[in-house]
Amino acid sequence: MFYAYKRNSALAMNQQDIIGSIAPGKQADLVLVDHDVLTVSPEELRDTKVIWTMEGGKTVYHAK
């Protein structure tokens, strides 16, 4: 799932040099959530909350 949204999207758009992975000099669009989405049950995943969101390396949302 994460490859589909990160690396494969960057590859499809031919933008691997600026997006698609977390590395110095690349654009940082990140979301921090309160559960490990790779290991929780579907019930817990449904209740996952966003803590903060970054777009272009800047925080654009922070939960209250």
N, C-alpha and C. Protein backbone atom coordinates (compact mmCIF):
# COMPACT_ATOMS: atom_id res chain seq x y z
N MET A 1 0.82 -1.17 0.00
CA MET A 1 0.00 0.00 0.00
C MET A 1 0.87 1.25 0.00
N PHE A 2 1.90 1.27 0.85
CA PHE A 2 2.72 2.47 0.93
C PHE A 2 3.55 2.67 -0.34
N TYR A 3 4.03 1.57 -0.92
CA TYR A 3 4.75 1.71 -2.20
C TYR A 3 3.83 2.27 -3.28
N ALA A 4 2.58 1.85 -3.28
CA ALA A 4 1.64 2.34 -4.29
C ALA A 4 1.46 3.84 -4.17
N TYR A 5 1.44 4.35 -2.96
CA TYR A 5 1.21 5.78 -2.75
C TYR A 5 2.49 6.59 -2.80
N LYS A 6 3.65 5.99 -2.56
CA LYS A 6 4.90 6.74 -2.53
C LYS A 6 5.74 6.47 -3.78
N ARG A 7 6.45 5.40 -3.75
CA ARG A 7 7.42 5.12 -4.82
C ARG A 7 6.78 4.91 -6.18
N ASN A 8 5.74 4.11 -6.24
CA ASN A 8 5.12 3.84 -7.54
C ASN A 8 4.47 5.07 -8.13
N SER A 9 3.89 5.93 -7.29
CA SER A 9 3.32 7.19 -7.79
C SER A 9 4.41 8.09 -8.35
N ALA A 10 5.52 8.19 -7.64
CA ALA A 10 6.63 9.01 -8.12
C ALA A 10 7.17 8.47 -9.44
N LEU A 11 7.27 7.16 -9.54
CA LEU A 11 7.74 6.53 -10.77
C LEU A 11 6.78 6.80 -11.91
N ALA A 12 5.48 6.66 -11.66
CA ALA A 12 4.48 6.89 -12.70
C ALA A 12 4.50 8.33 -13.20
N MET A 13 4.82 9.27 -12.31
CA MET A 13 4.85 10.68 -12.68
C MET A 13 6.25 11.14 -13.10
N ASN A 14 7.22 10.19 -13.11
CA ASN A 14 8.61 10.48 -13.44
C ASN A 14 9.17 11.61 -12.56
N GLN A 15 8.91 11.50 -11.24
CA GLN A 15 9.37 12.52 -10.29
C GLN A 15 10.15 11.90 -9.14
N GLN A 16 10.84 10.79 -9.39
CA GLN A 16 11.58 10.10 -8.34
C GLN A 16 12.66 10.98 -7.72
N ASP A 17 13.12 12.01 -8.43
CA ASP A 17 14.17 12.87 -7.89
C ASP A 17 13.64 13.86 -6.86
N ILE A 18 12.32 14.08 -6.79
CA ILE A 18 11.79 15.04 -5.82
C ILE A 18 10.76 14.45 -4.85
N ILE A 19 10.16 13.30 -5.19
CA ILE A 19 9.17 12.67 -4.30
C ILE A 19 9.36 11.16 -4.32
N GLY A 20 8.64 10.48 -3.45
CA GLY A 20 8.61 9.02 -3.49
C GLY A 20 9.38 8.32 -2.39
N SER A 21 10.21 9.06 -1.67
CA SER A 21 10.92 8.49 -0.54
C SER A 21 11.32 9.61 0.41
N ILE A 22 11.70 9.24 1.61
CA ILE A 22 12.12 10.22 2.60
C ILE A 22 13.64 10.32 2.53
N ALA A 23 14.12 11.46 2.03
CA ALA A 23 15.55 11.67 1.86
C ALA A 23 15.83 13.17 1.82
N PRO A 24 17.05 13.58 2.19
CA PRO A 24 17.39 15.00 2.13
C PRO A 24 17.17 15.58 0.74
N GLY A 25 16.55 16.76 0.68
CA GLY A 25 16.32 17.45 -0.57
C GLY A 25 15.02 17.09 -1.27
N LYS A 26 14.31 16.09 -0.75
CA LYS A 26 13.04 15.72 -1.36
C LYS A 26 11.89 16.40 -0.61
N GLN A 27 10.78 16.57 -1.31
CA GLN A 27 9.60 17.16 -0.69
C GLN A 27 9.07 16.22 0.38
N ALA A 28 8.68 16.79 1.50
CA ALA A 28 8.21 15.97 2.62
C ALA A 28 6.72 16.15 2.83
N ASP A 29 5.93 15.23 2.38
CA ASP A 29 4.51 15.18 2.67
C ASP A 29 4.30 13.97 3.56
N LEU A 30 4.07 14.21 4.84
CA LEU A 30 3.98 13.13 5.82
C LEU A 30 2.74 13.28 6.68
N VAL A 31 2.28 12.16 7.22
CA VAL A 31 1.18 12.15 8.16
C VAL A 31 1.60 11.28 9.34
N LEU A 32 1.43 11.79 10.55
CA LEU A 32 1.70 11.01 11.76
C LEU A 32 0.35 10.62 12.36
N VAL A 33 0.18 9.32 12.59
CA VAL A 33 -1.06 8.81 13.16
C VAL A 33 -0.78 8.15 14.50
N ASP A 34 -1.82 7.91 15.28
CA ASP A 34 -1.64 7.40 16.64
C ASP A 34 -1.63 5.88 16.76
N HIS A 35 -1.67 5.18 15.65
CA HIS A 35 -1.57 3.71 15.64
C HIS A 35 -0.56 3.28 14.58
N ASP A 36 0.04 2.12 14.78
CA ASP A 36 0.89 1.53 13.75
C ASP A 36 -0.03 0.88 12.72
N VAL A 37 -0.26 1.54 11.61
CA VAL A 37 -1.24 1.07 10.63
C VAL A 37 -0.85 -0.23 9.95
N LEU A 38 0.37 -0.67 10.13
CA LEU A 38 0.81 -1.93 9.52
C LEU A 38 0.53 -3.14 10.41
N THR A 39 0.21 -2.89 11.69
CA THR A 39 0.05 -4.02 12.61
C THR A 39 -1.29 -4.05 13.34
N VAL A 40 -2.08 -2.99 13.29
CA VAL A 40 -3.33 -2.98 14.05
C VAL A 40 -4.42 -3.78 13.35
N SER A 41 -5.42 -4.15 14.12
CA SER A 41 -6.57 -4.86 13.56
C SER A 41 -7.43 -3.89 12.76
N PRO A 42 -8.28 -4.39 11.88
CA PRO A 42 -9.17 -3.50 11.13
C PRO A 42 -10.02 -2.60 12.04
N GLU A 43 -10.43 -3.13 13.18
CA GLU A 43 -11.23 -2.34 14.11
C GLU A 43 -10.42 -1.16 14.65
N GLU A 44 -9.16 -1.41 15.01
CA GLU A 44 -8.29 -0.34 15.51
C GLU A 44 -7.94 0.64 14.40
N LEU A 45 -7.74 0.15 13.20
CA LEU A 45 -7.42 1.01 12.07
C LEU A 45 -8.53 2.03 11.83
N ARG A 46 -9.75 1.59 11.99
CA ARG A 46 -10.91 2.47 11.80
C ARG A 46 -10.87 3.64 12.78
N ASP A 47 -10.31 3.43 13.96
CA ASP A 47 -10.26 4.47 14.99
C ASP A 47 -8.98 5.29 14.99
N THR A 48 -8.11 5.06 14.01
CA THR A 48 -6.84 5.78 13.93
C THR A 48 -7.08 7.28 13.72
N LYS A 49 -6.36 8.09 14.48
CA LYS A 49 -6.47 9.55 14.40
C LYS A 49 -5.18 10.16 13.87
N VAL A 50 -5.32 11.22 13.08
CA VAL A 50 -4.17 11.96 12.57
C VAL A 50 -3.68 12.90 13.66
N ILE A 51 -2.39 12.86 13.94
CA ILE A 51 -1.79 13.74 14.95
C ILE A 51 -1.29 15.02 14.29
N TRP A 52 -0.54 14.88 13.19
CA TRP A 52 -0.12 16.04 12.41
C TRP A 52 0.13 15.66 10.97
N THR A 53 0.11 16.67 10.11
CA THR A 53 0.35 16.49 8.68
C THR A 53 1.36 17.52 8.22
N MET A 54 2.31 17.08 7.39
CA MET A 54 3.29 17.98 6.79
C MET A 54 3.11 17.95 5.28
N GLU A 55 3.22 19.11 4.67
CA GLU A 55 3.17 19.22 3.21
C GLU A 55 4.32 20.11 2.78
N GLY A 56 5.15 19.61 1.89
CA GLY A 56 6.30 20.39 1.44
C GLY A 56 7.27 20.71 2.55
N GLY A 57 7.32 19.85 3.58
CA GLY A 57 8.24 20.05 4.68
C GLY A 57 7.74 20.98 5.77
N LYS A 58 6.49 21.46 5.66
CA LYS A 58 5.93 22.36 6.67
C LYS A 58 4.68 21.73 7.28
N THR A 59 4.53 21.88 8.60
CA THR A 59 3.35 21.37 9.27
C THR A 59 2.14 22.19 8.87
N VAL A 60 1.13 21.52 8.32
CA VAL A 60 -0.09 22.21 7.88
C VAL A 60 -1.31 21.84 8.74
N TYR A 61 -1.16 20.82 9.59
CA TYR A 61 -2.23 20.44 10.50
C TYR A 61 -1.63 19.84 11.75
N HIS A 62 -2.16 20.23 12.88
CA HIS A 62 -1.75 19.63 14.16
C HIS A 62 -3.01 19.47 14.99
N ALA A 63 -3.27 18.23 15.45
CA ALA A 63 -4.48 17.96 16.24
C ALA A 63 -4.44 18.75 17.54
N LYS A 64 -5.63 19.09 18.00
CA LYS A 64 -5.72 19.84 19.26
C LYS A 64 -5.68 18.92 20.44
